[in-house]
């Protein structure tokens, strides 16, 4: 089942280069609260993130968290993609030798 919402969203393009974990994390924390376009798909849909993500842990909001959506500008729908679907997409985009590395390290879905 897909979580699909119909809503217009104003997006700003984002690109953060790979870096060590601390540097990359700090760049994400420093982002202003808003919607960001991460990637445009071949069919015209866009991978977008929103900050803050609206999640909470033990009743406390996580201000620096993100939600990931697939945005369709043709009908203004936002599909809130699951962690499992994100992992499957990453694995499908990787080269075969990278996929073997993923399997050997036993990456857990909940951390994506």
PDB file of N, CA and C in Angstrom:
ATOM      1  N   UNK A   1       0.838  -1.183   0.000  1.00  0.00           N
ATOM      2  CA  UNK A   1       0.000   0.000   0.000  1.00  0.00           C
ATOM      3  C   UNK A   1       0.878   1.240   0.000  1.00  0.00           C
ATOM      4  N   UNK A   2       0.519   2.191  -0.829  1.00  0.00           N
ATOM      5  CA  UNK A   2       1.284   3.422  -0.922  1.00  0.00           C
ATOM      6  C   UNK A   2       0.610   4.530  -0.120  1.00  0.00           C
ATOM      7  N   UNK A   3       1.425   5.328   0.555  1.00  0.00           N
ATOM      8  CA  UNK A   3       0.931   6.529   1.220  1.00  0.00           C
ATOM      9  C   UNK A   3       1.048   7.670   0.223  1.00  0.00           C
ATOM     10  N   UNK A   4      -0.070   8.033  -0.388  1.00  0.00           N
ATOM     11  CA  UNK A   4      -0.060   9.075  -1.412  1.00  0.00           C
ATOM     12  C   UNK A   4      -0.907  10.245  -0.947  1.00  0.00           C
ATOM     13  N   UNK A   5      -0.335  11.432  -1.046  1.00  0.00           N
ATOM     14  CA  UNK A   5      -1.007  12.663  -0.655  1.00  0.00           C
ATOM     15  C   UNK A   5      -1.049  13.582  -1.863  1.00  0.00           C
ATOM     16  N   UNK A   6      -2.116  14.352  -1.982  1.00  0.00           N
ATOM     17  CA  UNK A   6      -2.189  15.312  -3.075  1.00  0.00           C
ATOM     18  C   UNK A   6      -1.962  16.701  -2.488  1.00  0.00           C
ATOM     19  N   UNK A   7      -0.849  17.309  -2.900  1.00  0.00           N
ATOM     20  CA  UNK A   7      -0.485  18.603  -2.350  1.00  0.00           C
ATOM     21  C   UNK A   7       0.584  19.236  -3.228  1.00  0.00           C
ATOM     22  N   UNK A   8       0.457  20.512  -3.497  1.00  0.00           N
ATOM     23  CA  UNK A   8       1.499  21.242  -4.217  1.00  0.00           C
ATOM     24  C   UNK A   8       2.652  21.500  -3.258  1.00  0.00           C
ATOM     25  N   UNK A   9       3.874  21.453  -3.759  1.00  0.00           N
ATOM     26  CA  UNK A   9       5.046  21.686  -2.907  1.00  0.00           C
ATOM     27  C   UNK A   9       6.055  22.545  -3.655  1.00  0.00           C
ATOM     28  N   UNK A  10       6.597  23.520  -2.955  1.00  0.00           N
ATOM     29  CA  UNK A  10       7.648  24.355  -3.529  1.00  0.00           C
ATOM     30  C   UNK A  10       8.990  23.702  -3.198  1.00  0.00           C
ATOM     31  N   UNK A  11       9.772  23.428  -4.231  1.00  0.00           N
ATOM     32  CA  UNK A  11      11.022  22.699  -4.057  1.00  0.00           C
ATOM     33  C   UNK A  11      12.229  23.546  -4.441  1.00  0.00           C
ATOM     34  N   UNK A  12      13.308  23.289  -3.764  1.00  0.00           N
ATOM     35  CA  UNK A  12      14.593  23.897  -4.103  1.00  0.00           C
ATOM     36  C   UNK A  12      15.551  22.753  -4.425  1.00  0.00           C
ATOM     37  N   UNK A  13      16.296  22.843  -5.531  1.00  0.00           N
ATOM     38  CA  UNK A  13      17.255  21.766  -5.841  1.00  0.00           C
ATOM     39  C   UNK A  13      18.321  21.658  -4.757  1.00  0.00           C
ATOM     40  N   UNK A  14      18.772  20.432  -4.508  1.00  0.00           N
ATOM     41  CA  UNK A  14      19.811  20.214  -3.500  1.00  0.00           C
ATOM     42  C   UNK A  14      20.848  19.246  -4.054  1.00  0.00           C
ATOM     43  N   UNK A  15      22.086  19.504  -3.722  1.00  0.00           N
ATOM     44  CA  UNK A  15      23.169  18.570  -4.056  1.00  0.00           C
ATOM     45  C   UNK A  15      24.189  18.664  -2.931  1.00  0.00           C
ATOM     46  N   UNK A  16      24.417  17.549  -2.275  1.00  0.00           N
ATOM     47  CA  UNK A  16      25.433  17.477  -1.225  1.00  0.00           C
ATOM     48  C   UNK A  16      26.404  16.387  -1.641  1.00  0.00           C
ATOM     49  N   UNK A  17      27.642  16.755  -1.835  1.00  0.00           N
ATOM     50  CA  UNK A  17      28.657  15.783  -2.243  1.00  0.00           C
ATOM     51  C   UNK A  17      28.966  14.825  -1.102  1.00  0.00           C
ATOM     52  N   UNK A  18      29.385  13.615  -1.464  1.00  0.00           N
ATOM     53  CA  UNK A  18      29.790  12.644  -0.453  1.00  0.00           C
ATOM     54  C   UNK A  18      30.915  13.218   0.386  1.00  0.00           C
ATOM     55  N   UNK A  19      30.894  12.888   1.648  1.00  0.00           N
ATOM     56  CA  UNK A  19      31.928  13.336   2.588  1.00  0.00           C
ATOM     57  C   UNK A  19      31.935  12.347   3.746  1.00  0.00           C
ATOM     58  N   UNK A  20      32.859  12.544   4.686  1.00  0.00           N
ATOM     59  CA  UNK A  20      32.849  11.678   5.858  1.00  0.00           C
ATOM     60  C   UNK A  20      31.534  11.898   6.614  1.00  0.00           C
ATOM     61  N   UNK A  21      31.180  10.942   7.452  1.00  0.00           N
ATOM     62  CA  UNK A  21      29.869  10.938   8.114  1.00  0.00           C
ATOM     63  C   UNK A  21      29.597  12.238   8.876  1.00  0.00           C
ATOM     64  N   UNK A  22      30.559  12.725   9.638  1.00  0.00           N
ATOM     65  CA  UNK A  22      30.351  13.926  10.448  1.00  0.00           C
ATOM     66  C   UNK A  22      30.093  15.152   9.571  1.00  0.00           C
ATOM     67  N   UNK A  23      30.866  15.305   8.499  1.00  0.00           N
ATOM     68  CA  UNK A  23      30.716  16.453   7.603  1.00  0.00           C
ATOM     69  C   UNK A  23      29.386  16.380   6.868  1.00  0.00           C
ATOM     70  N   UNK A  24      29.056  15.201   6.340  1.00  0.00           N
ATOM     71  CA  UNK A  24      27.807  15.020   5.614  1.00  0.00           C
ATOM     72  C   UNK A  24      26.614  15.299   6.527  1.00  0.00           C
ATOM     73  N   UNK A  25      26.655  14.758   7.740  1.00  0.00           N
ATOM     74  CA  UNK A  25      25.569  14.972   8.705  1.00  0.00           C
ATOM     75  C   UNK A  25      25.398  16.443   9.031  1.00  0.00           C
ATOM     76  N   UNK A  26      26.501  17.146   9.203  1.00  0.00           N
ATOM     77  CA  UNK A  26      26.417  18.569   9.535  1.00  0.00           C
ATOM     78  C   UNK A  26      25.819  19.375   8.393  1.00  0.00           C
ATOM     79  N   UNK A  27      26.149  19.016   7.155  1.00  0.00           N
ATOM     80  CA  UNK A  27      25.558  19.705   6.008  1.00  0.00           C
ATOM     81  C   UNK A  27      24.048  19.518   5.984  1.00  0.00           C
ATOM     82  N   UNK A  28      23.579  18.322   6.344  1.00  0.00           N
ATOM     83  CA  UNK A  28      22.140  18.076   6.412  1.00  0.00           C
ATOM     84  C   UNK A  28      21.492  18.864   7.547  1.00  0.00           C
ATOM     85  N   UNK A  29      22.123  18.895   8.685  1.00  0.00           N
ATOM     86  CA  UNK A  29      21.590  19.653   9.823  1.00  0.00           C
ATOM     87  C   UNK A  29      21.500  21.133   9.496  1.00  0.00           C
ATOM     88  N   UNK A  30      22.461  21.649   8.742  1.00  0.00           N
ATOM     89  CA  UNK A  30      22.497  23.078   8.409  1.00  0.00           C
ATOM     90  C   UNK A  30      21.454  23.502   7.376  1.00  0.00           C
ATOM     91  N   UNK A  31      20.797  22.551   6.724  1.00  0.00           N
ATOM     92  CA  UNK A  31      19.791  22.907   5.723  1.00  0.00           C
ATOM     93  C   UNK A  31      18.601  23.609   6.378  1.00  0.00           C
ATOM     94  N   UNK A  32      18.096  24.671   5.746  1.00  0.00           N
ATOM     95  CA  UNK A  32      16.871  25.303   6.260  1.00  0.00           C
ATOM     96  C   UNK A  32      15.668  24.369   6.096  1.00  0.00           C
ATOM     97  N   UNK A  33      14.648  24.582   6.894  1.00  0.00           N
ATOM     98  CA  UNK A  33      13.423  23.784   6.805  1.00  0.00           C
ATOM     99  C   UNK A  33      12.674  24.138   5.536  1.00  0.00           C
ATOM    100  N   UNK A  34      12.413  23.131   4.692  1.00  0.00           N
ATOM    101  CA  UNK A  34      11.668  23.312   3.444  1.00  0.00           C
ATOM    102  C   UNK A  34      11.651  22.003   2.660  1.00  0.00           C
ATOM    103  N   UNK A  35      11.183  22.036   1.417  1.00  0.00           N
ATOM    104  CA  UNK A  35      11.213  20.879   0.529  1.00  0.00           C
ATOM    105  C   UNK A  35      12.374  20.992  -0.437  1.00  0.00           C
ATOM    106  N   UNK A  36      13.011  19.854  -0.733  1.00  0.00           N
ATOM    107  CA  UNK A  36      14.175  19.840  -1.622  1.00  0.00           C
ATOM    108  C   UNK A  36      14.016  18.776  -2.701  1.00  0.00           C
ATOM    109  N   UNK A  37      14.391  19.124  -3.918  1.00  0.00           N
ATOM    110  CA  UNK A  37      14.428  18.166  -5.018  1.00  0.00           C
ATOM    111  C   UNK A  37      15.796  17.506  -5.030  1.00  0.00           C
ATOM    112  N   UNK A  38      15.801  16.182  -4.873  1.00  0.00           N
ATOM    113  CA  UNK A  38      17.048  15.429  -4.815  1.00  0.00           C
ATOM    114  C   UNK A  38      17.428  14.895  -6.191  1.00  0.00           C
ATOM    115  N   UNK A  39      16.438  14.360  -6.917  1.00  0.00           N
ATOM    116  CA  UNK A  39      16.722  13.712  -8.190  1.00  0.00           C
ATOM    117  C   UNK A  39      15.469  13.729  -9.057  1.00  0.00           C
ATOM    118  N   UNK A  40      15.647  13.909 -10.377  1.00  0.00           N
ATOM    119  CA  UNK A  40      14.521  13.788 -11.294  1.00  0.00           C
ATOM    120  C   UNK A  40      14.598  12.432 -11.974  1.00  0.00           C
ATOM    121  N   UNK A  41      13.491  11.713 -11.966  1.00  0.00           N
ATOM    122  CA  UNK A  41      13.426  10.392 -12.564  1.00  0.00           C
ATOM    123  C   UNK A  41      13.134  10.503 -14.061  1.00  0.00           C
ATOM    124  N   UNK A  42      13.401   9.442 -14.793  1.00  0.00           N
ATOM    125  CA  UNK A  42      13.238   9.469 -16.250  1.00  0.00           C
ATOM    126  C   UNK A  42      11.791   9.706 -16.683  1.00  0.00           C
ATOM    127  N   UNK A  43      10.826   9.399 -15.827  1.00  0.00           N
ATOM    128  CA  UNK A  43       9.413   9.586 -16.177  1.00  0.00           C
ATOM    129  C   UNK A  43       8.873  10.961 -15.762  1.00  0.00           C
ATOM    130  N   UNK A  44       9.752  11.844 -15.272  1.00  0.00           N
ATOM    131  CA  UNK A  44       9.336  13.195 -14.906  1.00  0.00           C
ATOM    132  C   UNK A  44       9.012  13.372 -13.435  1.00  0.00           C
ATOM    133  N   UNK A  45       8.849  12.268 -12.703  1.00  0.00           N
ATOM    134  CA  UNK A  45       8.636  12.386 -11.262  1.00  0.00           C
ATOM    135  C   UNK A  45       9.952  12.791 -10.595  1.00  0.00           C
ATOM    136  N   UNK A  46       9.866  13.224  -9.342  1.00  0.00           N
ATOM    137  CA  UNK A  46      11.052  13.698  -8.639  1.00  0.00           C
ATOM    138  C   UNK A  46      11.151  13.043  -7.269  1.00  0.00           C
ATOM    139  N   UNK A  47      12.377  12.727  -6.873  1.00  0.00           N
ATOM    140  CA  UNK A  47      12.622  12.298  -5.503  1.00  0.00           C
ATOM    141  C   UNK A  47      12.838  13.574  -4.708  1.00  0.00           C
ATOM    142  N   UNK A  48      12.037  13.752  -3.650  1.00  0.00           N
ATOM    143  CA  UNK A  48      12.121  14.961  -2.845  1.00  0.00           C
ATOM    144  C   UNK A  48      12.218  14.594  -1.370  1.00  0.00           C
ATOM    145  N   UNK A  49      12.798  15.500  -0.600  1.00  0.00           N
ATOM    146  CA  UNK A  49      12.841  15.345   0.851  1.00  0.00           C
ATOM    147  C   UNK A  49      12.253  16.597   1.476  1.00  0.00           C
ATOM    148  N   UNK A  50      11.692  16.422   2.654  1.00  0.00           N
ATOM    149  CA  UNK A  50      11.208  17.576   3.410  1.00  0.00           C
ATOM    150  C   UNK A  50      11.879  17.583   4.776  1.00  0.00           C
ATOM    151  N   UNK A  51      12.194  18.759   5.233  1.00  0.00           N
ATOM    152  CA  UNK A  51      12.779  18.948   6.554  1.00  0.00           C
ATOM    153  C   UNK A  51      11.991  20.046   7.236  1.00  0.00           C
ATOM    154  N   UNK A  52      11.486  19.877   8.445  1.00  0.00           N
ATOM    155  CA  UNK A  52      11.601  18.671   9.258  1.00  0.00           C
ATOM    156  C   UNK A  52      10.688  17.577   8.726  1.00  0.00           C
ATOM    157  N   UNK A  53      11.014  16.356   9.096  1.00  0.00           N
ATOM    158  CA  UNK A  53      10.278  15.218   8.581  1.00  0.00           C
ATOM    159  C   UNK A  53       8.971  14.932   9.300  1.00  0.00           C
ATOM    160  N   UNK A  54       8.795  15.493  10.483  1.00  0.00           N
ATOM    161  CA  UNK A  54       7.553  15.284  11.211  1.00  0.00           C
ATOM    162  C   UNK A  54       7.540  14.040  12.071  1.00  0.00           C
ATOM    163  N   UNK A  55       8.657  13.355  12.166  1.00  0.00           N
ATOM    164  CA  UNK A  55       8.722  12.146  12.990  1.00  0.00           C
ATOM    165  C   UNK A  55       8.965  12.545  14.444  1.00  0.00           C
ATOM    166  N   UNK A  56       8.597  11.641  15.345  1.00  0.00           N
ATOM    167  CA  UNK A  56       8.894  11.875  16.756  1.00  0.00           C
ATOM    168  C   UNK A  56       9.341  10.568  17.394  1.00  0.00           C
ATOM    169  N   UNK A  57      10.186  10.685  18.398  1.00  0.00           N
ATOM    170  CA  UNK A  57      10.679   9.543  19.144  1.00  0.00           C
ATOM    171  C   UNK A  57      10.350   9.781  20.606  1.00  0.00           C
ATOM    172  N   UNK A  58       9.647   8.846  21.206  1.00  0.00           N
ATOM    173  CA  UNK A  58       9.211   8.984  22.599  1.00  0.00           C
ATOM    174  C   UNK A  58       8.480  10.303  22.831  1.00  0.00           C
ATOM    175  N   UNK A  59       7.672  10.705  21.849  1.00  0.00           N
ATOM    176  CA  UNK A  59       6.866  11.915  21.989  1.00  0.00           C
ATOM    177  C   UNK A  59       7.595  13.222  21.726  1.00  0.00           C
ATOM    178  N   UNK A  60       8.883  13.151  21.430  1.00  0.00           N
ATOM    179  CA  UNK A  60       9.663  14.368  21.160  1.00  0.00           C
ATOM    180  C   UNK A  60       9.911  14.477  19.665  1.00  0.00           C
ATOM    181  N   UNK A  61       9.570  15.629  19.054  1.00  0.00           N
ATOM    182  CA  UNK A  61       9.783  15.782  17.608  1.00  0.00           C
ATOM    183  C   UNK A  61      11.269  15.758  17.249  1.00  0.00           C
ATOM    184  N   UNK A  62      11.568  15.152  16.116  1.00  0.00           N
ATOM    185  CA  UNK A  62      12.937  15.117  15.596  1.00  0.00           C
ATOM    186  C   UNK A  62      13.064  16.232  14.564  1.00  0.00           C
ATOM    187  N   UNK A  63      13.570  17.375  14.977  1.00  0.00           N
ATOM    188  CA  UNK A  63      13.630  18.556  14.111  1.00  0.00           C
ATOM    189  C   UNK A  63      14.582  18.391  12.936  1.00  0.00           C
ATOM    190  N   UNK A  64      15.589  17.555  13.056  1.00  0.00           N
ATOM    191  CA  UNK A  64      16.582  17.420  11.996  1.00  0.00           C
ATOM    192  C   UNK A  64      16.335  16.185  11.127  1.00  0.00           C
ATOM    193  N   UNK A  65      15.154  15.613  11.224  1.00  0.00           N
ATOM    194  CA  UNK A  65      14.815  14.425  10.447  1.00  0.00           C
ATOM    195  C   UNK A  65      14.219  14.834   9.099  1.00  0.00           C
ATOM    196  N   UNK A  66      14.180  13.899   8.168  1.00  0.00           N
ATOM    197  CA  UNK A  66      13.644  14.123   6.827  1.00  0.00           C
ATOM    198  C   UNK A  66      12.582  13.080   6.519  1.00  0.00           C
ATOM    199  N   UNK A  67      11.665  13.433   5.629  1.00  0.00           N
ATOM    200  CA  UNK A  67      10.781  12.468   4.998  1.00  0.00           C
ATOM    201  C   UNK A  67      11.129  12.447   3.520  1.00  0.00           C
ATOM    202  N   UNK A  68      11.013  11.269   2.903  1.00  0.00           N
ATOM    203  CA  UNK A  68      11.323  11.108   1.487  1.00  0.00           C
ATOM    204  C   UNK A  68      10.019  10.820   0.742  1.00  0.00           C
ATOM    205  N   UNK A  69       9.838  11.527  -0.371  1.00  0.00           N
ATOM    206  CA  UNK A  69       8.652  11.358  -1.198  1.00  0.00           C
ATOM    207  C   UNK A  69       9.063  11.209  -2.658  1.00  0.00           C
ATOM    208  N   UNK A  70       8.181  10.592  -3.451  1.00  0.00           N
ATOM    209  CA  UNK A  70       8.256  10.648  -4.904  1.00  0.00           C
ATOM    210  C   UNK A  70       7.160  11.627  -5.312  1.00  0.00           C
ATOM    211  N   UNK A  71       7.552  12.746  -5.903  1.00  0.00           N
ATOM    212  CA  UNK A  71       6.617  13.807  -6.272  1.00  0.00           C
ATOM    213  C   UNK A  71       6.305  13.735  -7.759  1.00  0.00           C
ATOM    214  N   UNK A  72       5.007  13.746  -8.081  1.00  0.00           N
ATOM    215  CA  UNK A  72       4.573  13.774  -9.470  1.00  0.00           C
ATOM    216  C   UNK A  72       4.008  15.163  -9.749  1.00  0.00           C
ATOM    217  N   UNK A  73       4.755  16.013 -10.472  1.00  0.00           N
ATOM    218  CA  UNK A  73       4.290  17.380 -10.718  1.00  0.00           C
ATOM    219  C   UNK A  73       3.059  17.447 -11.627  1.00  0.00           C
ATOM    220  N   UNK A  74       2.760  16.361 -12.364  1.00  0.00           N
ATOM    221  CA  UNK A  74       1.594  16.365 -13.255  1.00  0.00           C
ATOM    222  C   UNK A  74       0.281  16.402 -12.490  1.00  0.00           C
ATOM    223  N   UNK A  75       0.244  15.734 -11.339  1.00  0.00           N
ATOM    224  CA  UNK A  75      -0.997  15.725 -10.558  1.00  0.00           C
ATOM    225  C   UNK A  75      -0.792  16.157  -9.103  1.00  0.00           C
ATOM    226  N   UNK A  76       0.382  16.712  -8.800  1.00  0.00           N
ATOM    227  CA  UNK A  76       0.717  17.201  -7.453  1.00  0.00           C
ATOM    228  C   UNK A  76       0.530  16.126  -6.380  1.00  0.00           C
ATOM    229  N   UNK A  77       0.982  14.893  -6.674  1.00  0.00           N
ATOM    230  CA  UNK A  77       0.910  13.848  -5.659  1.00  0.00           C
ATOM    231  C   UNK A  77       2.290  13.603  -5.061  1.00  0.00           C
ATOM    232  N   UNK A  78       2.272  13.324  -3.779  1.00  0.00           N
ATOM    233  CA  UNK A  78       3.470  12.980  -3.024  1.00  0.00           C
ATOM    234  C   UNK A  78       3.281  11.570  -2.477  1.00  0.00           C
ATOM    235  N   UNK A  79       4.136  10.649  -2.921  1.00  0.00           N
ATOM    236  CA  UNK A  79       4.102   9.283  -2.431  1.00  0.00           C
ATOM    237  C   UNK A  79       5.187   9.174  -1.366  1.00  0.00           C
ATOM    238  N   UNK A  80       4.784   8.905  -0.135  1.00  0.00           N
ATOM    239  CA  UNK A  80       5.747   8.736   0.954  1.00  0.00           C
ATOM    240  C   UNK A  80       6.321   7.329   0.852  1.00  0.00           C
ATOM    241  N   UNK A  81       7.520   7.246   0.288  1.00  0.00           N
ATOM    242  CA  UNK A  81       8.166   5.965   0.001  1.00  0.00           C
ATOM    243  C   UNK A  81       8.713   5.359   1.298  1.00  0.00           C
ATOM    244  N   UNK A  82       8.633   4.040   1.412  1.00  0.00           N
ATOM    245  CA  UNK A  82       9.066   3.354   2.630  1.00  0.00           C
ATOM    246  C   UNK A  82      10.573   3.109   2.625  1.00  0.00           C
ATOM    247  N   UNK A  83      11.106   2.785   3.804  1.00  0.00           N
ATOM    248  CA  UNK A  83      12.527   2.450   3.908  1.00  0.00           C
ATOM    249  C   UNK A  83      12.862   1.250   3.027  1.00  0.00           C
ATOM    250  N   UNK A  84      11.998   0.265   3.006  1.00  0.00           N
ATOM    251  CA  UNK A  84      12.228  -0.932   2.192  1.00  0.00           C
ATOM    252  C   UNK A  84      12.288  -0.577   0.709  1.00  0.00           C
ATOM    253  N   UNK A  85      11.382   0.280   0.259  1.00  0.00           N
ATOM    254  CA  UNK A  85      11.377   0.679  -1.144  1.00  0.00           C
ATOM    255  C   UNK A  85      12.612   1.506  -1.494  1.00  0.00           C
ATOM    256  N   UNK A  86      13.093   2.324  -0.579  1.00  0.00           N
ATOM    257  CA  UNK A  86      14.322   3.100  -0.809  1.00  0.00           C
ATOM    258  C   UNK A  86      15.504   2.138  -0.941  1.00  0.00           C
ATOM    259  N   UNK A  87      15.605   1.175  -0.034  1.00  0.00           N
ATOM    260  CA  UNK A  87      16.699   0.200  -0.077  1.00  0.00           C
ATOM    261  C   UNK A  87      16.684  -0.572  -1.389  1.00  0.00           C
ATOM    262  N   UNK A  88      15.500  -1.028  -1.809  1.00  0.00           N
ATOM    263  CA  UNK A  88      15.397  -1.752  -3.071  1.00  0.00           C
ATOM    264  C   UNK A  88      15.864  -0.891  -4.243  1.00  0.00           C
ATOM    265  N   UNK A  89      15.517   0.387  -4.230  1.00  0.00           N
ATOM    266  CA  UNK A  89      15.933   1.291  -5.301  1.00  0.00           C
ATOM    267  C   UNK A  89      17.449   1.461  -5.317  1.00  0.00           C
ATOM    268  N   UNK A  90      18.051   1.635  -4.145  1.00  0.00           N
ATOM    269  CA  UNK A  90      19.509   1.796  -4.065  1.00  0.00           C
ATOM    270  C   UNK A  90      20.197   0.540  -4.587  1.00  0.00           C
ATOM    271  N   UNK A  91      19.719  -0.624  -4.168  1.00  0.00           N
ATOM    272  CA  UNK A  91      20.323  -1.879  -4.611  1.00  0.00           C
ATOM    273  C   UNK A  91      20.183  -2.042  -6.120  1.00  0.00           C
ATOM    274  N   UNK A  92      19.029  -1.691  -6.670  1.00  0.00           N
ATOM    275  CA  UNK A  92      18.812  -1.820  -8.114  1.00  0.00           C
ATOM    276  C   UNK A  92      19.703  -0.884  -8.924  1.00  0.00           C
ATOM    277  N   UNK A  93      20.120   0.238  -8.349  1.00  0.00           N
ATOM    278  CA  UNK A  93      20.953   1.206  -9.070  1.00  0.00           C
ATOM    279  C   UNK A  93      22.439   0.882  -8.971  1.00  0.00           C
ATOM    280  N   UNK A  94      22.830   0.031  -8.039  1.00  0.00           N
ATOM    281  CA  UNK A  94      24.244  -0.244  -7.796  1.00  0.00           C
ATOM    282  C   UNK A  94      24.797  -1.246  -8.793  1.00  0.00           C
ATOM    283  N   UNK A  95      26.114  -1.226  -8.930  1.00  0.00           N
ATOM    284  CA  UNK A  95      26.824  -2.195  -9.757  1.00  0.00           C
ATOM    285  C   UNK A  95      26.837  -3.548  -9.040  1.00  0.00           C
ATOM    286  N   UNK A  96      26.966  -4.652  -9.769  1.00  0.00           N
ATOM    287  CA  UNK A  96      26.940  -5.979  -9.133  1.00  0.00           C
ATOM    288  C   UNK A  96      27.978  -6.152  -8.025  1.00  0.00           C
ATOM    289  N   UNK A  97      29.193  -5.618  -8.193  1.00  0.00           N
ATOM    290  CA  UNK A  97      30.204  -5.807  -7.148  1.00  0.00           C
ATOM    291  C   UNK A  97      29.849  -5.022  -5.889  1.00  0.00           C
ATOM    292  N   UNK A  98      29.145  -3.917  -6.026  1.00  0.00           N
ATOM    293  CA  UNK A  98      28.696  -3.147  -4.871  1.00  0.00           C
ATOM    294  C   UNK A  98      27.570  -3.906  -4.163  1.00  0.00           C
ATOM    295  N   UNK A  99      26.699  -4.543  -4.928  1.00  0.00           N
ATOM    296  CA  UNK A  99      25.591  -5.308  -4.357  1.00  0.00           C
ATOM    297  C   UNK A  99      26.130  -6.417  -3.460  1.00  0.00           C
ATOM    298  N   UNK A 100      27.196  -7.064  -3.885  1.00  0.00           N
ATOM    299  CA  UNK A 100      27.803  -8.120  -3.069  1.00  0.00           C
ATOM    300  C   UNK A 100      28.281  -7.530  -1.756  1.00  0.00           C
ATOM    301  N   UNK A 101      28.862  -6.343  -1.805  1.00  0.00           N
ATOM    302  CA  UNK A 101      29.332  -5.690  -0.585  1.00  0.00           C
ATOM    303  C   UNK A 101      28.148  -5.407   0.342  1.00  0.00           C
ATOM    304  N   UNK A 102      27.014  -4.936  -0.197  1.00  0.00           N
ATOM    305  CA  UNK A 102      25.821  -4.692   0.612  1.00  0.00           C
ATOM    306  C   UNK A 102      25.413  -5.967   1.346  1.00  0.00           C
ATOM    307  N   UNK A 103      25.370  -7.054   0.617  1.00  0.00           N
ATOM    308  CA  UNK A 103      24.923  -8.307   1.222  1.00  0.00           C
ATOM    309  C   UNK A 103      25.894  -8.795   2.291  1.00  0.00           C
ATOM    310  N   UNK A 104      27.181  -8.626   2.073  1.00  0.00           N
ATOM    311  CA  UNK A 104      28.165  -9.077   3.048  1.00  0.00           C
ATOM    312  C   UNK A 104      28.108  -8.274   4.333  1.00  0.00           C
ATOM    313  N   UNK A 105      27.774  -6.983   4.239  1.00  0.00           N
ATOM    314  CA  UNK A 105      27.748  -6.145   5.435  1.00  0.00           C
ATOM    315  C   UNK A 105      26.416  -6.230   6.173  1.00  0.00           C
ATOM    316  N   UNK A 106      25.444  -6.933   5.601  1.00  0.00           N
ATOM    317  CA  UNK A 106      24.153  -7.144   6.219  1.00  0.00           C
ATOM    318  C   UNK A 106      23.515  -5.821   6.682  1.00  0.00           C
ATOM    319  N   UNK A 107      23.369  -4.910   5.746  1.00  0.00           N
ATOM    320  CA  UNK A 107      22.756  -3.621   6.048  1.00  0.00           C
ATOM    321  C   UNK A 107      21.302  -3.833   6.435  1.00  0.00           C
ATOM    322  N   UNK A 108      20.897  -3.214   7.512  1.00  0.00           N
ATOM    323  CA  UNK A 108      19.526  -3.342   7.994  1.00  0.00           C
ATOM    324  C   UNK A 108      18.672  -2.236   7.392  1.00  0.00           C
ATOM    325  N   UNK A 109      17.479  -2.584   6.968  1.00  0.00           N
ATOM    326  CA  UNK A 109      16.576  -1.636   6.321  1.00  0.00           C
ATOM    327  C   UNK A 109      16.236  -0.446   7.206  1.00  0.00           C
ATOM    328  N   UNK A 110      16.091  -0.656   8.482  1.00  0.00           N
ATOM    329  CA  UNK A 110      15.598   0.415   9.343  1.00  0.00           C
ATOM    330  C   UNK A 110      16.557   1.606   9.423  1.00  0.00           C
ATOM    331  N   UNK A 111      17.782   1.442   9.000  1.00  0.00           N
ATOM    332  CA  UNK A 111      18.734   2.541   9.074  1.00  0.00           C
ATOM    333  C   UNK A 111      18.764   3.390   7.815  1.00  0.00           C
ATOM    334  N   UNK A 112      17.994   3.024   6.792  1.00  0.00           N
ATOM    335  CA  UNK A 112      17.964   3.808   5.572  1.00  0.00           C
ATOM    336  C   UNK A 112      16.847   4.792   5.609  1.00  0.00           C
TER     337      UNK A 112
END
